[in-house]
Protein backbone atom coordinates (compact mmCIF):
# COMPACT_ATOMS: atom_id res chain seq x y z
CA MET A 1 83.45 -91.65 82.06
CA ALA A 2 84.34 -88.15 82.99
CA GLN A 3 87.80 -87.33 84.22
CA GLN A 4 88.05 -86.20 87.77
CA THR A 5 90.12 -83.14 88.47
CA PRO A 6 92.20 -83.25 91.63
CA ALA A 7 91.15 -81.01 94.45
CA PRO A 8 93.22 -77.83 94.76
CA ARG A 9 95.98 -78.02 97.34
CA PRO A 10 96.98 -75.28 99.68
CA PRO A 11 100.18 -73.43 98.59
CA GLY A 12 102.35 -74.72 101.48
CA SER A 13 101.44 -78.38 101.13
CA PRO A 14 104.28 -80.91 100.82
CA LEU A 15 102.73 -82.52 97.73
CA MET A 16 102.93 -79.20 95.91
CA ASN A 17 106.72 -78.92 96.54
CA ARG A 18 107.70 -82.51 95.65
CA GLY A 19 108.73 -81.65 92.10
CA THR A 20 110.63 -78.59 93.26
CA ARG A 21 112.52 -80.60 95.88
CA ARG A 22 113.39 -83.27 93.33
CA ASN A 23 114.75 -80.67 90.91
CA LEU A 24 116.71 -78.98 93.68
CA LEU A 25 118.29 -82.28 94.77
CA LEU A 26 119.16 -83.04 91.15
CA VAL A 27 120.89 -79.66 90.75
CA VAL A 28 122.82 -80.06 94.04
CA GLY A 29 123.86 -83.60 93.10
CA LEU A 30 125.08 -82.48 89.68
CA ALA A 31 127.02 -79.62 91.30
CA PHE A 32 128.83 -82.03 93.65
CA LEU A 33 129.51 -84.41 90.77
CA GLY A 34 130.97 -81.57 88.71
CA LEU A 35 133.09 -80.40 91.64
CA GLY A 36 134.45 -83.92 92.15
CA ALA A 37 135.26 -84.31 88.44
CA TYR A 38 136.99 -80.91 88.42
CA GLY A 39 139.05 -81.92 91.47
CA LEU A 40 140.16 -85.16 89.83
CA VAL A 41 141.13 -83.48 86.57
CA THR A 42 142.96 -80.46 88.01
CA ASP A 43 144.62 -82.03 91.04
CA GLU A 44 147.87 -83.45 89.80
CA THR A 45 150.17 -85.39 92.05
CA PRO A 46 153.42 -83.62 93.01
CA ARG A 47 156.51 -85.15 91.42
CA TRP A 48 158.22 -85.83 94.76
CA VAL A 49 155.58 -88.49 95.57
CA GLY A 50 157.17 -90.80 92.96
CA LEU A 51 160.70 -90.55 94.37
CA GLU A 52 162.18 -93.86 95.43
CA PRO A 53 163.87 -94.39 98.82
CA GLU A 54 167.12 -95.25 97.03
CA ALA A 55 167.53 -91.57 96.02
CA PHE A 56 167.87 -90.45 99.66
CA PRO A 57 169.56 -88.90 101.58
CA ALA A 58 170.42 -86.21 99.03
CA ARG A 59 171.27 -82.54 98.94
CA VAL A 60 168.39 -80.18 98.20
CA GLU A 61 169.21 -77.78 95.37
CA ALA A 62 165.74 -76.25 94.90
CA ILE A 63 162.16 -76.61 96.12
CA ARG A 64 159.65 -75.59 93.45
CA PHE A 65 156.17 -74.43 94.42
CA ARG A 66 153.62 -73.42 91.81
CA ALA A 67 154.14 -69.71 92.47
CA ALA A 68 157.77 -69.58 93.63
CA VAL A 69 161.07 -71.38 94.00
CA ILE A 70 163.24 -71.78 97.08
CA ALA A 71 166.80 -71.92 95.79
CA PRO A 72 170.15 -70.44 96.84
CA GLY A 73 169.58 -66.69 96.95
CA LYS A 74 165.77 -67.01 96.63
CA SER A 75 163.28 -67.25 99.47
CA PHE A 76 159.58 -68.05 99.68
CA LYS A 77 157.20 -65.97 101.80
CA ILE A 78 154.02 -67.36 103.35
CA ALA A 79 151.30 -65.63 105.35
CA VAL A 80 149.99 -67.51 108.38
CA LYS A 81 146.61 -66.61 109.88
CA ARG A 82 146.75 -65.92 113.59
CA ARG A 83 144.57 -67.89 115.97
CA GLY A 84 143.11 -67.44 119.42
CA ARG A 85 143.26 -64.02 121.01
CA ARG A 86 145.56 -62.71 118.30
CA ARG A 87 143.27 -63.58 115.36
CA LYS A 88 142.36 -59.91 114.77
CA GLU A 89 145.99 -59.04 114.10
CA PRO A 90 147.35 -59.14 110.54
CA PRO A 91 148.76 -62.47 109.32
CA LEU A 92 152.24 -63.50 110.38
CA ARG A 93 154.70 -63.36 107.48
CA ILE A 94 157.33 -66.11 107.37
CA SER A 95 160.17 -66.15 104.88
CA ILE A 96 161.68 -69.59 104.08
CA ALA A 97 165.15 -69.96 102.54
CA LEU A 98 167.62 -72.79 102.08
CA GLY A 99 169.90 -73.15 105.09
CA ALA A 100 173.48 -74.40 105.17
CA ALA A 101 173.65 -77.60 103.08
CA PRO A 102 169.99 -78.71 103.29
CA VAL A 103 169.41 -82.45 103.04
CA ALA A 104 166.34 -84.44 102.00
CA ARG A 105 165.76 -87.60 104.06
CA TYR A 106 163.21 -90.34 103.40
CA ARG A 107 161.58 -92.49 106.03
CA CYS A 108 158.84 -95.05 105.89
CA ARG A 109 157.71 -97.36 108.65
CA LYS A 110 154.95 -99.90 108.66
CA GLY A 111 151.66 -98.25 109.55
CA THR A 112 152.82 -94.71 108.74
CA ARG A 113 152.49 -92.37 105.84
CA CYS A 114 154.82 -93.10 102.93
CA PRO A 115 156.76 -91.38 101.56
CA TRP A 116 157.62 -89.07 104.42
CA ILE A 117 160.36 -86.71 103.26
CA THR A 118 162.06 -84.20 105.55
CA LEU A 119 163.85 -81.19 104.06
CA ALA A 120 166.19 -79.64 106.63
CA PRO A 121 167.88 -77.42 107.72
CA LEU A 122 166.04 -74.48 106.24
CA ALA A 123 166.14 -70.91 107.54
CA CYS A 124 162.83 -69.32 108.57
CA ARG A 125 162.42 -65.68 109.50
CA GLU A 126 159.25 -64.34 111.14
CA GLY A 127 158.65 -60.78 109.99
CA GLU A 128 161.91 -58.90 110.45
CA GLY A 129 163.30 -61.22 113.15
CA LYS A 130 166.44 -63.33 113.12
CA PRO A 131 166.53 -66.47 110.95
CA ALA A 132 165.81 -69.66 112.90
CA PRO A 133 166.17 -73.30 111.82
CA CYS A 134 163.11 -75.02 110.40
CA ALA A 135 162.16 -77.96 108.18
CA ILE A 136 159.50 -78.93 105.67
CA GLU A 137 157.78 -82.29 106.08
CA LEU A 138 156.30 -83.81 102.90
CA MET A 139 153.83 -86.64 103.52
CA ASP A 140 151.79 -88.77 101.15
CA TRP A 141 148.72 -90.55 102.45
CA GLY A 142 149.16 -93.46 100.02
CA ARG A 143 149.25 -96.37 102.50
CA THR A 144 146.51 -95.32 104.88
CA PRO A 145 142.80 -96.17 104.96
CA LEU A 146 142.09 -92.74 103.43
CA ARG A 147 142.62 -93.95 99.86
CA LEU A 148 139.42 -92.27 98.71
CA MET A 149 140.68 -88.78 99.50
CA LYS A 150 144.38 -89.42 98.90
CA LYS A 151 146.13 -86.07 98.97
CA PRO A 152 149.67 -85.15 100.00
CA ARG A 153 150.07 -83.13 103.19
CA CYS A 154 152.91 -80.75 103.94
CA ALA A 155 153.94 -78.85 107.06
CA LEU A 156 156.55 -76.34 108.15
CA THR A 157 158.10 -77.45 111.45
CA ARG A 158 160.00 -75.16 113.81
CA PRO A 159 161.53 -76.02 117.18
CA GLY A 160 159.42 -74.74 120.04
CA ALA A 161 156.54 -73.65 117.77
CA PRO A 162 153.46 -75.42 116.41
CA ASP A 163 153.61 -76.90 112.92
CA ILE A 164 152.18 -74.80 110.11
CA LYS A 165 150.29 -76.39 107.23
CA LEU A 166 151.44 -75.18 103.85
CA LYS A 167 150.78 -75.99 100.23
CA CYS A 168 152.92 -78.84 99.01
CA PRO A 169 155.79 -78.11 96.66
CA HIS A 170 155.31 -79.31 93.14
CA ASN A 171 158.83 -80.57 92.61
CA LEU A 172 162.15 -81.09 94.38
CA LYS A 173 165.49 -80.67 92.69
CA LEU A 174 167.87 -83.03 94.44
CA GLY A 175 171.61 -83.10 94.04
CA ALA A 176 173.96 -86.01 94.44
CA LYS A 177 173.11 -88.75 96.89
CA LEU A 178 174.95 -88.53 100.20
CA LYS A 179 176.48 -91.40 102.13
CA LYS A 180 174.38 -92.55 105.05
């Protein structure tokens, strides 16, 4: 019996591209798998997540970010993108420094994020303006339904202004525990 050769297909036919699509999906799938593995390996949990509630309230001696440290005499500057009508303007520069006797407080209620640590009072200065009180909220998503993408969230809070998301500090240096 003679072998039959398949009839030639037009260049745009879906049967012609099946192998190409399969290879493309394989490459995209491997890229996402590699990205997920890289995220798991490089994303280390900040040390403040493991702090126990018994250590609070305590004085804050230093807040260590990967690139900088907020300590007495040292400040940390962040750039905040503008939104709305002002988005074409350059980013807003905010300088964060330790205020007078900053305290770290821990709170955890049923059905909320735990731990939830508040570092206040801090001194924030927008551009060259006067320092104003502010606080940093450190939140871990450990007890929520989002266990798959568990990642700490941090925000800079200021009275009368919207919260600003910022990268979480890597470590907190706490002093002696205060009386409640």
